[in-house]
């Protein structure tokens, strides 16, 4: 019955959106087109001979190829994010005949694919279109009729039967979208309202208030940068909020597993649960024993601890939090559906036999036997519900985003450069008016003015946190050559930095005050970039000397240079040690 009803829903919804595609325009037309493809995939999986509208035939063919190849994560042609197509291998009770295999793949498609509410895994434009898709489905399903019934009635039938066995959806459903639209716009809502940007933003804000998934089921192959933390892992749940047409269901074991992975290993061995992720060792796998320990088995916890599978940062805290959550459940919550009820039955197997029980039931061997029975029974439960139960994933570690190298930095003293530019203009104008500036000198001054003008603008950009462009970085990179061209023609001696001058004479001591410049030093400075990074830059700075010297031995540049070379120069001022040591 469910197989037949699902096929009828797929066909009717595809045809309805084909009509919408013909009668709408803009973003609604694109949303309708993608919905044609969505339901055409579902129909084609159940009936390989089914006709697919030509407008989506190519996309549907590619998506079917993805599903049939089972190659793991690949980009979904229709949803524009990466999907784990290995999940579409028919298994459990669904591998026996063609109808069951086709039903499995169709329900997996309708259960896993999310119409994302937010950008992150997709662009803002695609998130907008996917929200429109979900709204169109939610409004159309009440109107589309299949053999005397609405598609919504058939959908309710499929959903209610499967919910009785496995539970409610972990993700948002048609109900939440319909309720949110009704809350904002009443029963008189028309789909044209969705083209109003403000109304759509209000709807997205309303939907964002609703529950987020508690289990990350692999949507979009969410990757996070090391170090992986529970907070970062939860970001994947935030980014995957959205509507699923026939969502996979929240199950407690996947919820437990989700909260006991992505923890950093702190031991020295290689326990079963440990994997390497982005250079770090994390708890990449849960264990069935985690669940059984939470259900009340002290023996399960003993084994986990003995085998090193609790040696992770935050494991004890996460386990205690889950334990408190499960302990607070009353019997009615444990029997909310058949899946939870099965686990509730298993809890009864895990109590150690005490006084009054046969002696064999009071042994560790018996506890281990009961533990094995519970785990085997749980494995059967997962096998029987593999199509509807939402599986958990350990998020992957992304390589840190490639950082564009910063190719230079200008000390942003714009006022200094401005005044230097003004002084250069005065020099240029004055010497030109006196007719004492030759052509080479004129070109040098013009080159210097261009350099200063560029330094002023770059300094302002840096102070305003504006990202420099490639031309700016090229200017900084080649600054030495640029400056060299500005002083071309000046003798080597004229370009030297190691100079000395006596500036004052004291007749009492017969000494002079020498002011000197030594070798150029390199300085390191930390500076921030507009993207939040803090980098360390290195650049040349003058060295400065001030000392007393015998007036009868006034220093020349040549003698000063020899003093520097031989290491006989006096120490630099003590106050300079704050940035020179």
Protein backbone atom coordinates (compact mmCIF):
# COMPACT_ATOMS: atom_id res chain seq x y z
CA UNK A 1 0.00 0.00 0.00
CA UNK A 2 2.72 2.51 0.97
CA UNK A 3 4.67 1.77 -2.21
CA UNK A 4 1.65 2.49 -4.39
CA UNK A 5 0.66 5.64 -2.50
CA UNK A 6 4.17 7.06 -2.68
CA UNK A 7 4.23 6.60 -6.44
CA UNK A 8 0.89 8.36 -6.84
CA UNK A 9 2.06 11.30 -4.74
CA UNK A 10 5.24 11.66 -6.79
CA UNK A 11 3.38 11.67 -10.11
CA UNK A 12 0.67 14.10 -9.03
CA UNK A 13 3.08 16.58 -7.45
CA UNK A 14 5.39 16.50 -10.48
CA UNK A 15 2.50 17.29 -12.82
CA UNK A 16 1.25 20.10 -10.57
CA UNK A 17 4.62 21.81 -10.55
CA UNK A 18 4.93 21.42 -14.30
CA UNK A 19 1.78 23.52 -14.57
CA UNK A 20 3.17 26.07 -12.10
CA UNK A 21 6.34 26.27 -14.14
CA UNK A 22 4.30 27.19 -17.22
CA UNK A 23 2.31 29.91 -15.44
CA UNK A 24 4.89 31.62 -13.22
CA UNK A 25 8.02 33.67 -13.76
CA UNK A 26 11.22 34.69 -12.00
CA UNK A 27 12.22 32.92 -8.82
CA UNK A 28 8.86 31.14 -8.55
CA UNK A 29 9.42 29.62 -11.98
CA UNK A 30 12.88 28.41 -10.94
CA UNK A 31 11.50 26.98 -7.68
CA UNK A 32 8.73 25.20 -9.60
CA UNK A 33 11.29 23.80 -12.03
CA UNK A 34 13.42 22.37 -9.24
CA UNK A 35 10.32 20.83 -7.66
CA UNK A 36 9.47 19.17 -10.97
CA UNK A 37 12.94 17.63 -10.88
CA UNK A 38 12.62 16.66 -7.20
CA UNK A 39 9.41 14.69 -7.69
CA UNK A 40 10.51 13.37 -11.08
CA UNK A 41 13.51 11.73 -9.40
CA UNK A 42 11.18 10.14 -6.84
CA UNK A 43 8.86 8.91 -9.58
CA UNK A 44 11.68 7.66 -11.81
CA UNK A 45 13.23 5.71 -8.93
CA UNK A 46 9.95 3.84 -8.45
CA UNK A 47 9.12 3.52 -12.11
CA UNK A 48 12.20 3.57 -14.37
CA UNK A 49 9.90 3.82 -17.42
CA UNK A 50 8.10 6.94 -16.16
CA UNK A 51 8.11 9.99 -18.41
CA UNK A 52 10.19 12.95 -17.22
CA UNK A 53 9.39 16.47 -18.51
CA UNK A 54 12.05 17.64 -20.94
CA UNK A 55 12.71 20.83 -18.98
CA UNK A 56 14.35 18.79 -16.19
CA UNK A 57 15.32 15.61 -18.03
CA UNK A 58 19.07 16.27 -17.93
CA UNK A 59 19.14 17.13 -14.22
CA UNK A 60 17.00 14.13 -13.33
CA UNK A 61 19.20 11.79 -15.37
CA UNK A 62 22.33 13.03 -13.60
CA UNK A 63 20.73 12.71 -10.17
CA UNK A 64 19.56 9.18 -10.91
CA UNK A 65 23.10 8.34 -11.99
CA UNK A 66 24.40 9.69 -8.68
CA UNK A 67 21.90 7.57 -6.77
CA UNK A 68 22.59 4.39 -8.72
CA UNK A 69 26.38 4.80 -8.52
CA UNK A 70 26.42 4.87 -4.68
CA UNK A 71 29.81 6.59 -4.83
CA UNK A 72 29.54 8.49 -1.57
CA UNK A 73 29.51 12.25 -1.38
CA UNK A 74 28.89 14.03 -4.67
CA UNK A 75 27.29 17.31 -5.65
CA UNK A 76 23.53 17.04 -6.04
CA UNK A 77 22.53 18.43 -9.42
CA UNK A 78 19.18 19.59 -8.09
CA UNK A 79 19.98 20.72 -4.53
CA UNK A 80 23.41 22.27 -5.16
CA UNK A 81 25.05 20.71 -2.11
CA UNK A 82 26.91 17.46 -1.53
CA UNK A 83 24.90 14.37 -0.71
CA UNK A 84 26.05 10.97 0.55
CA UNK A 85 24.79 8.78 -2.28
CA UNK A 86 26.22 5.67 -0.61
CA UNK A 87 23.07 5.77 1.55
CA UNK A 88 20.95 4.72 -1.43
CA UNK A 89 22.17 1.11 -1.49
CA UNK A 90 18.97 -0.88 -0.74
CA UNK A 91 19.51 -2.82 2.47
CA UNK A 92 17.69 -4.08 5.52
CA UNK A 93 14.41 -5.70 4.50
CA UNK A 94 14.40 -3.81 1.19
CA UNK A 95 17.00 -5.67 -0.88
CA UNK A 96 14.86 -8.67 -1.79
CA UNK A 97 12.81 -7.60 -4.84
CA UNK A 98 12.72 -4.73 -7.31
CA UNK A 99 9.65 -3.01 -5.86
CA UNK A 100 11.22 -2.96 -2.40
CA UNK A 101 14.54 -1.72 -3.74
CA UNK A 102 12.86 1.06 -5.69
CA UNK A 103 10.74 2.04 -2.70
CA UNK A 104 13.87 2.16 -0.55
CA UNK A 105 15.67 4.53 -2.92
CA UNK A 106 12.63 6.76 -3.27
CA UNK A 107 12.04 7.07 0.47
CA UNK A 108 15.73 7.67 1.01
CA UNK A 109 15.54 10.52 -1.53
CA UNK A 110 12.47 12.05 0.07
CA UNK A 111 13.84 11.48 3.56
CA UNK A 112 17.38 12.78 3.19
CA UNK A 113 17.16 15.77 0.86
CA UNK A 114 16.70 19.05 2.70
CA UNK A 115 15.22 22.28 1.38
CA UNK A 116 17.72 24.41 3.28
CA UNK A 117 16.52 27.49 5.08
CA UNK A 118 19.88 29.21 5.43
CA UNK A 119 22.95 29.80 3.35
CA UNK A 120 26.25 28.23 4.29
CA UNK A 121 26.14 24.87 2.58
CA UNK A 122 24.51 26.64 -0.37
CA UNK A 123 24.52 30.23 -1.61
CA UNK A 124 22.02 32.80 -0.36
CA UNK A 125 20.26 32.62 -3.71
CA UNK A 126 19.90 28.85 -3.55
CA UNK A 127 18.73 29.00 0.08
CA UNK A 128 16.04 31.45 -1.01
CA UNK A 129 14.92 29.21 -3.86
CA UNK A 130 14.90 26.11 -1.65
CA UNK A 131 12.73 27.91 0.91
CA UNK A 132 10.35 28.86 -1.92
CA UNK A 133 10.34 25.22 -3.04
CA UNK A 134 9.37 24.05 0.44
CA UNK A 135 6.60 26.65 0.68
CA UNK A 136 5.23 25.70 -2.73
CA UNK A 137 5.16 22.03 -1.75
CA UNK A 138 3.47 22.82 1.57
CA UNK A 139 0.73 24.84 -0.14
CA UNK A 140 0.25 22.56 -3.15
CA UNK A 141 -0.05 19.26 -1.33
CA UNK A 142 -3.42 20.24 0.20
CA UNK A 143 -4.83 21.03 -3.25
CA UNK A 144 -3.37 18.32 -5.48
CA UNK A 145 -5.75 15.38 -5.76
CA UNK A 146 -4.97 11.73 -6.28
CA UNK A 147 -7.91 9.42 -7.03
CA UNK A 148 -10.42 11.36 -4.95
CA UNK A 149 -8.06 12.24 -2.11
CA UNK A 150 -5.66 15.09 -1.61
CA UNK A 151 -1.96 14.39 -1.80
CA UNK A 152 -1.80 15.63 1.79
CA UNK A 153 -4.10 12.83 2.91
CA UNK A 154 -1.89 10.22 1.27
CA UNK A 155 1.21 11.89 2.71
CA UNK A 156 -0.36 11.78 6.18
CA UNK A 157 -1.06 8.09 5.73
CA UNK A 158 2.56 7.28 4.85
CA UNK A 159 3.93 9.53 7.57
CA UNK A 160 1.60 8.34 10.34
CA UNK A 161 2.24 4.64 9.71
CA UNK A 162 6.00 5.05 9.65
CA UNK A 163 5.89 7.38 12.67
CA UNK A 164 4.09 4.71 14.69
CA UNK A 165 7.07 2.44 14.17
CA UNK A 166 10.04 4.81 14.22
CA UNK A 167 8.91 8.18 15.52
CA UNK A 168 8.58 11.78 14.42
CA UNK A 169 10.74 13.68 11.97
CA UNK A 170 14.02 15.13 13.17
CA UNK A 171 13.76 17.91 10.59
CA UNK A 172 11.05 20.42 9.78
CA UNK A 173 8.03 19.07 7.92
CA UNK A 174 5.22 20.37 5.75
CA UNK A 175 3.21 21.06 8.89
CA UNK A 176 5.64 23.61 10.30
CA UNK A 177 5.88 25.46 7.00
CA UNK A 178 2.11 25.58 6.56
CA UNK A 179 1.62 26.74 10.15
CA UNK A 180 4.23 29.47 9.80
CA UNK A 181 2.69 30.82 6.60
CA UNK A 182 -0.76 30.72 8.16
CA UNK A 183 0.52 32.54 11.24
CA UNK A 184 1.98 35.36 9.17
CA UNK A 185 -0.61 35.71 6.42
CA UNK A 186 -3.73 33.81 7.43
CA UNK A 187 -5.69 31.41 5.25
CA UNK A 188 -5.90 33.89 2.37
CA UNK A 189 -2.25 33.42 1.51
CA UNK A 190 -1.31 33.36 -2.17
CA UNK A 191 1.99 32.10 -3.54
CA UNK A 192 2.67 35.45 -5.22
CA UNK A 193 3.39 36.82 -1.74
CA UNK A 194 6.57 34.77 -1.77
CA UNK A 195 8.04 37.04 -4.44
CA UNK A 196 7.94 39.93 -1.94
CA UNK A 197 11.45 39.99 -0.46
CA UNK A 198 10.32 41.44 2.88
CA UNK A 199 7.57 38.86 3.32
CA UNK A 200 9.93 36.04 2.48
CA UNK A 201 12.49 37.34 4.99
CA UNK A 202 9.76 37.49 7.66
CA UNK A 203 8.83 33.90 6.89
CA UNK A 204 12.43 32.72 7.07
CA UNK A 205 12.81 34.50 10.41
CA UNK A 206 9.69 32.72 11.69
CA UNK A 207 10.91 29.34 10.48
CA UNK A 208 14.36 29.91 11.98
CA UNK A 209 12.70 30.08 15.42
CA UNK A 210 11.51 26.51 15.05
CA UNK A 211 13.34 23.40 16.20
CA UNK A 212 16.64 22.55 14.67
CA UNK A 213 17.64 18.98 13.88
CA UNK A 214 19.24 17.15 16.79
CA UNK A 215 21.07 14.69 14.57
CA UNK A 216 23.46 15.60 11.77
CA UNK A 217 22.58 13.21 8.97
CA UNK A 218 25.30 14.11 6.50
CA UNK A 219 23.56 16.90 4.57
CA UNK A 220 26.06 18.90 2.55
CA UNK A 221 29.10 17.00 3.86
CA UNK A 222 29.55 19.60 6.58
CA UNK A 223 33.23 20.20 7.36
CA UNK A 224 34.66 22.21 10.23
CA UNK A 225 38.12 23.55 10.85
CA UNK A 226 40.18 22.03 13.66
CA UNK A 227 40.04 21.99 16.57
CA UNK A 228 36.68 20.23 16.43
CA UNK A 229 34.46 21.12 19.36
CA UNK A 230 30.84 20.26 20.21
CA UNK A 231 30.00 23.92 19.59
CA UNK A 232 31.48 23.82 16.10
CA UNK A 233 29.79 20.50 15.39
CA UNK A 234 26.46 22.05 16.37
CA UNK A 235 26.99 24.62 13.63
CA UNK A 236 26.34 21.82 11.16
CA UNK A 237 22.91 21.33 12.73
CA UNK A 238 22.27 25.06 12.37
CA UNK A 239 23.23 25.08 8.69
CA UNK A 240 21.11 22.03 7.82
CA UNK A 241 17.83 23.37 9.22
CA UNK A 242 15.13 23.05 6.61
CA UNK A 243 12.20 21.01 5.37
CA UNK A 244 12.39 17.37 4.33
CA UNK A 245 9.48 16.04 2.33
CA UNK A 246 9.43 12.75 4.22
CA UNK A 247 12.05 13.34 6.86
CA UNK A 248 14.04 10.58 8.46
CA UNK A 249 13.11 10.17 12.09
CA UNK A 250 14.70 11.17 15.34
CA UNK A 251 15.96 8.08 17.15
CA UNK A 252 17.62 8.18 20.56
CA UNK A 253 20.68 6.12 19.65
CA UNK A 254 21.67 8.41 16.78
CA UNK A 255 21.18 11.34 19.14
CA UNK A 256 23.48 9.69 21.69
CA UNK A 257 26.10 8.91 19.08
CA UNK A 258 25.95 12.46 17.71
CA UNK A 259 26.83 13.81 21.12
CA UNK A 260 29.64 11.36 21.86
CA UNK A 261 31.78 11.91 18.76
CA UNK A 262 33.98 14.80 17.61
CA UNK A 263 35.81 14.75 20.97
CA UNK A 264 39.59 15.22 21.11
CA UNK A 265 41.59 12.16 22.21
CA UNK A 266 43.79 12.68 25.28
CA UNK A 267 45.34 9.22 25.64
CA UNK A 268 48.39 7.50 24.19
CA UNK A 269 46.90 4.42 22.53
CA UNK A 270 44.64 3.75 19.56
CA UNK A 271 41.22 2.78 20.91
CA UNK A 272 38.48 1.49 18.63
CA UNK A 273 36.70 4.84 18.57
CA UNK A 274 39.70 6.96 17.58
CA UNK A 275 40.31 8.33 14.09
CA UNK A 276 42.65 10.91 12.64
CA UNK A 277 40.92 14.05 11.48
CA UNK A 278 42.75 17.03 10.10
CA UNK A 279 45.90 16.09 11.98
CA UNK A 280 44.11 15.58 15.31
CA UNK A 281 42.95 12.38 16.99
CA UNK A 282 39.23 12.47 17.71
CA UNK A 283 36.40 10.17 18.73
CA UNK A 284 35.26 9.46 15.21
CA UNK A 285 33.16 6.40 16.03
CA UNK A 286 30.67 5.75 18.81
CA UNK A 287 30.09 2.28 20.19
CA UNK A 288 26.91 0.34 20.74
CA UNK A 289 28.18 0.09 24.31
CA UNK A 290 27.70 3.87 24.65
CA UNK A 291 23.98 3.42 24.17
CA UNK A 292 23.76 0.37 26.41
CA UNK A 293 25.67 2.17 29.15
CA UNK A 294 23.15 5.01 28.97
CA UNK A 295 20.33 2.49 29.19
CA UNK A 296 21.71 1.46 32.56
CA UNK A 297 24.45 -1.12 32.05
CA UNK A 298 27.35 -0.55 34.45
CA UNK A 299 29.16 -3.42 32.79
CA UNK A 300 29.02 -1.62 29.41
CA UNK A 301 30.68 1.42 30.95
CA UNK A 302 33.38 -0.74 32.53
CA UNK A 303 34.26 -2.17 29.12
CA UNK A 304 34.32 1.24 27.44
CA UNK A 305 36.65 2.57 30.11
CA UNK A 306 38.91 -0.48 30.05
CA UNK A 307 39.32 -0.26 26.28
CA UNK A 308 40.18 3.43 26.34
CA UNK A 309 37.05 4.64 24.61
CA UNK A 310 36.30 7.27 27.25
CA UNK A 311 39.74 8.92 27.06
CA UNK A 312 38.44 11.99 25.28
CA UNK A 313 38.10 15.58 26.35
CA UNK A 314 34.53 16.20 27.43
CA UNK A 315 33.34 12.59 27.18
CA UNK A 316 32.41 12.32 30.86
CA UNK A 317 30.55 15.61 30.75
CA UNK A 318 28.67 14.70 27.58
CA UNK A 319 27.78 11.27 28.93
CA UNK A 320 26.56 12.70 32.25
CA UNK A 321 24.39 15.22 30.44
CA UNK A 322 22.83 12.50 28.29
CA UNK A 323 22.39 10.26 31.33
CA UNK A 324 20.46 12.97 33.14
CA UNK A 325 18.29 13.52 30.07
CA UNK A 326 17.43 9.84 29.70
CA UNK A 327 16.93 9.26 33.43
CA UNK A 328 14.30 12.01 33.48
CA UNK A 329 12.08 10.18 30.98
CA UNK A 330 8.95 8.60 32.39
CA UNK A 331 7.41 5.38 31.12
CA UNK A 332 5.06 7.15 28.71
CA UNK A 333 8.00 8.86 26.99
CA UNK A 334 9.81 5.55 26.69
CA UNK A 335 6.75 4.14 24.92
CA UNK A 336 6.07 7.05 22.56
CA UNK A 337 6.56 4.72 19.56
CA UNK A 338 7.67 1.16 18.86
CA UNK A 339 11.32 2.12 18.45
CA UNK A 340 11.57 3.77 21.87
CA UNK A 341 9.49 0.97 23.37
CA UNK A 342 11.95 -1.62 22.09
CA UNK A 343 14.82 0.16 23.83
CA UNK A 344 12.71 0.36 26.98
CA UNK A 345 12.38 -3.42 26.87
CA UNK A 346 16.14 -3.79 26.58
CA UNK A 347 16.66 -1.74 29.74
CA UNK A 348 15.11 -4.60 31.69
CA UNK A 349 17.87 -6.96 30.54
CA UNK A 350 20.62 -4.78 31.92
CA UNK A 351 19.91 -4.95 35.63
CA UNK A 352 22.42 -7.07 37.52
CA UNK A 353 20.88 -10.07 39.23
CA UNK A 354 20.98 -9.57 42.97
CA UNK A 355 19.81 -11.49 46.03
CA UNK A 356 17.04 -13.92 45.22
CA UNK A 357 18.16 -14.55 41.66
CA UNK A 358 19.81 -17.85 40.66
CA UNK A 359 23.52 -17.78 41.34
CA UNK A 360 24.43 -17.98 37.64
CA UNK A 361 22.51 -14.72 37.09
CA UNK A 362 24.70 -12.98 39.65
CA UNK A 363 27.94 -13.60 37.76
CA UNK A 364 29.87 -11.26 35.47
CA UNK A 365 29.58 -13.87 32.74
CA UNK A 366 25.79 -13.60 32.86
CA UNK A 367 25.93 -9.81 32.76
CA UNK A 368 28.12 -10.04 29.66
CA UNK A 369 25.64 -12.46 28.09
CA UNK A 370 22.78 -10.04 28.77
CA UNK A 371 24.89 -7.23 27.37
CA UNK A 372 25.43 -9.19 24.18
CA UNK A 373 21.73 -9.99 23.94
CA UNK A 374 20.80 -6.32 24.28
CA UNK A 375 23.33 -5.22 21.67
CA UNK A 376 22.25 -7.92 19.22
CA UNK A 377 18.60 -6.97 19.68
CA UNK A 378 19.44 -3.30 19.13
CA UNK A 379 21.33 -4.24 15.94
CA UNK A 380 18.16 -5.97 14.72
CA UNK A 381 16.17 -2.85 15.52
CA UNK A 382 18.47 -0.69 13.43
CA UNK A 383 18.32 -3.22 10.61
CA UNK A 384 14.53 -3.19 10.60
CA UNK A 385 14.29 0.62 10.59
CA UNK A 386 17.28 1.47 8.41
CA UNK A 387 15.15 3.31 5.85
CA UNK A 388 13.37 5.62 8.27
CA UNK A 389 15.80 6.11 11.16
CA UNK A 390 18.07 9.11 10.80
CA UNK A 391 21.71 8.00 11.03
CA UNK A 392 24.38 10.03 12.80
CA UNK A 393 27.59 11.31 11.21
CA UNK A 394 30.92 12.43 12.57
CA UNK A 395 31.61 15.74 10.86
CA UNK A 396 34.73 15.93 8.77
CA UNK A 397 37.68 18.17 9.46
CA UNK A 398 38.22 20.80 6.83
CA UNK A 399 41.63 21.94 5.89
CA UNK A 400 42.02 25.49 7.14
CA UNK A 401 40.85 27.81 4.39
CA UNK A 402 43.59 28.77 2.02
CA UNK A 403 44.87 32.10 3.18
CA UNK A 404 46.06 34.52 0.59
CA UNK A 405 49.57 35.58 1.53
CA UNK A 406 49.88 39.17 2.59
CA UNK A 407 52.64 40.51 0.46
CA UNK A 408 53.52 43.65 2.37
CA UNK A 409 52.40 46.41 4.65
CA UNK A 410 52.93 50.16 4.71
CA UNK A 411 53.46 51.89 8.02
CA UNK A 412 50.28 54.00 7.95
CA UNK A 413 51.58 57.47 8.82
CA UNK A 414 49.52 59.30 6.23
CA UNK A 415 50.09 62.74 7.74
CA UNK A 416 53.86 62.31 7.49
CA UNK A 417 53.62 61.27 3.86
CA UNK A 418 51.27 64.18 3.17
CA UNK A 419 53.66 66.70 4.63
CA UNK A 420 56.58 65.11 2.84
CA UNK A 421 54.63 65.38 -0.40
CA UNK A 422 53.95 69.05 0.28
CA UNK A 423 57.63 69.62 0.96
CA UNK A 424 58.56 67.83 -2.25
CA UNK A 425 56.18 70.09 -4.18
CA UNK A 426 57.77 73.14 -2.59
CA UNK A 427 61.20 71.89 -3.58
CA UNK A 428 60.09 71.11 -7.12
CA UNK A 429 58.38 74.45 -7.64
CA UNK A 430 61.14 76.46 -5.99
CA UNK A 431 64.05 74.88 -7.80
CA UNK A 432 62.17 75.00 -11.09
CA UNK A 433 61.41 78.70 -10.66
CA UNK A 434 65.08 79.38 -9.98
CA UNK A 435 66.05 77.35 -13.03
CA UNK A 436 68.52 75.22 -11.09
CA UNK A 437 66.78 71.84 -11.51
CA UNK A 438 68.02 69.69 -14.36
CA UNK A 439 65.88 67.14 -16.16
CA UNK A 440 67.14 64.15 -14.12
CA UNK A 441 66.41 65.96 -10.87
CA UNK A 442 62.95 66.90 -12.12
CA UNK A 443 62.17 63.27 -12.94
CA UNK A 444 63.39 62.13 -9.53
CA UNK A 445 61.09 64.58 -7.75
CA UNK A 446 58.13 63.60 -9.91
CA UNK A 447 58.80 59.94 -9.14
CA UNK A 448 58.99 60.70 -5.43
CA UNK A 449 55.67 62.55 -5.55
CA UNK A 450 54.00 59.52 -7.18
CA UNK A 451 55.43 57.27 -4.49
CA UNK A 452 54.21 59.53 -1.68
CA UNK A 453 50.75 59.85 -3.21
CA UNK A 454 50.46 56.06 -3.35
CA UNK A 455 51.72 55.68 0.24
CA UNK A 456 49.10 58.17 1.45
CA UNK A 457 46.24 56.21 -0.16
CA UNK A 458 47.47 52.81 1.02
CA UNK A 459 47.89 54.18 4.56
CA UNK A 460 44.31 55.43 4.57
CA UNK A 461 43.03 52.08 3.28
CA UNK A 462 44.92 50.22 5.99
CA UNK A 463 43.59 52.50 8.72
CA UNK A 464 40.03 52.05 7.42
CA UNK A 465 40.41 48.23 7.32
CA UNK A 466 40.01 48.19 3.55
CA UNK A 467 41.54 45.16 1.86
CA UNK A 468 44.41 46.10 -0.41
CA UNK A 469 44.24 45.01 -4.03
CA UNK A 470 46.84 43.18 -6.09
CA UNK A 471 48.20 46.41 -7.53
CA UNK A 472 48.78 47.76 -4.03
CA UNK A 473 50.64 44.62 -3.00
CA UNK A 474 52.72 44.69 -6.15
CA UNK A 475 53.67 48.30 -5.38
CA UNK A 476 54.74 47.30 -1.85
CA UNK A 477 56.58 44.22 -3.08
CA UNK A 478 58.63 46.23 -5.54
CA UNK A 479 59.01 49.27 -3.28
CA UNK A 480 62.77 48.88 -3.13
CA UNK A 481 63.04 49.04 -6.90
CA UNK A 482 60.57 51.93 -7.05
CA UNK A 483 62.54 53.90 -4.49
CA UNK A 484 65.79 53.06 -6.23
CA UNK A 485 64.49 54.56 -9.45
CA UNK A 486 63.54 57.72 -7.57
CA UNK A 487 67.16 58.26 -6.52
CA UNK A 488 68.81 57.04 -9.71
CA UNK A 489 71.75 59.12 -10.71
CA UNK A 490 72.73 59.92 -7.13
CA UNK A 491 76.16 58.62 -6.20
CA UNK A 492 76.66 55.61 -3.96
CA UNK A 493 78.08 57.86 -1.27
CA UNK A 494 74.98 60.00 -1.44
CA UNK A 495 72.77 57.00 -0.77
CA UNK A 496 74.70 55.71 2.25
CA UNK A 497 72.86 55.52 5.56
CA UNK A 498 75.94 55.16 7.80
CA UNK A 499 76.75 58.80 8.50
CA UNK A 500 77.96 60.87 11.47
CA UNK A 501 77.88 64.55 12.44
CA UNK A 502 79.04 66.48 15.48
CA UNK A 503 76.33 68.95 16.49
CA UNK A 504 77.59 70.61 19.66
CA UNK A 505 80.94 71.43 21.32
CA UNK A 506 81.51 71.74 25.07
CA UNK A 507 84.57 73.83 25.83
CA UNK A 508 84.65 72.66 29.44
CA UNK A 509 85.23 69.02 28.59
CA UNK A 510 86.71 69.61 25.16
CA UNK A 511 84.22 67.16 23.71
CA UNK A 512 81.61 67.25 20.99
CA UNK A 513 78.18 65.67 20.73
CA UNK A 514 78.14 63.20 17.88
CA UNK A 515 74.86 62.19 16.21
CA UNK A 516 75.16 59.16 14.01
CA UNK A 517 73.19 56.74 11.90
CA UNK A 518 74.46 53.17 11.75
CA UNK A 519 73.43 50.10 9.84
CA UNK A 520 69.85 49.57 8.77
CA UNK A 521 68.15 47.11 11.13
CA UNK A 522 65.10 44.92 10.63
CA UNK A 523 62.06 45.35 12.86
CA UNK A 524 59.14 42.98 13.42
CA UNK A 525 55.65 44.39 13.91
CA UNK A 526 52.30 42.63 14.40
CA UNK A 527 49.39 44.13 12.52
CA UNK A 528 45.76 43.24 11.89
CA UNK A 529 44.08 42.61 8.55
CA UNK A 530 40.45 43.29 7.54
CA UNK A 531 39.73 39.52 7.64
CA UNK A 532 40.67 39.35 11.33
CA UNK A 533 44.10 37.76 10.93
CA UNK A 534 47.06 39.14 12.82
CA UNK A 535 50.32 38.91 10.92
CA UNK A 536 53.91 39.78 11.64
CA UNK A 537 55.65 42.07 9.18
CA UNK A 538 59.36 42.74 8.81
CA UNK A 539 60.90 45.92 7.47
CA UNK A 540 64.01 48.17 7.61
CA UNK A 541 64.53 50.90 10.22
CA UNK A 542 67.35 53.31 10.94
CA UNK A 543 69.72 52.83 13.84
CA UNK A 544 70.56 55.95 15.86
CA UNK A 545 73.58 56.85 18.00
CA UNK A 546 74.27 59.77 20.31
CA UNK A 547 77.54 60.02 22.19
CA UNK A 548 80.31 62.38 23.31
CA UNK A 549 83.63 62.38 21.51
CA UNK A 550 86.93 64.27 21.78
CA UNK A 551 86.74 67.53 19.90
CA UNK A 552 90.26 67.01 18.66
CA UNK A 553 89.07 63.83 16.91
CA UNK A 554 85.87 64.88 15.21
CA UNK A 555 84.57 61.86 13.35
CA UNK A 556 84.28 61.59 9.61
CA UNK A 557 81.88 59.28 7.79
CA UNK A 558 84.80 57.06 6.83
CA UNK A 559 86.05 56.72 10.40
CA UNK A 560 82.49 56.15 11.68
CA UNK A 561 81.96 53.42 9.12
CA UNK A 562 85.20 51.76 10.25
CA UNK A 563 84.05 51.93 13.89
CA UNK A 564 80.80 50.20 12.96
CA UNK A 565 82.58 47.54 10.95
CA UNK A 566 85.09 46.77 13.71
CA UNK A 567 82.45 46.67 16.45
CA UNK A 568 83.94 49.70 18.23
CA UNK A 569 80.84 51.89 17.92
CA UNK A 570 79.26 52.90 21.25
CA UNK A 571 76.01 51.39 22.41
CA UNK A 572 72.76 52.70 21.08
CA UNK A 573 70.65 54.74 23.56
CA UNK A 574 69.25 52.68 26.43
CA UNK A 575 65.73 53.88 25.71
CA UNK A 576 65.89 52.11 22.34
CA UNK A 577 66.14 48.68 23.95
CA UNK A 578 62.35 48.51 24.15
CA UNK A 579 62.19 47.74 20.46
CA UNK A 580 65.73 46.64 19.60
CA UNK A 581 66.41 43.80 22.07
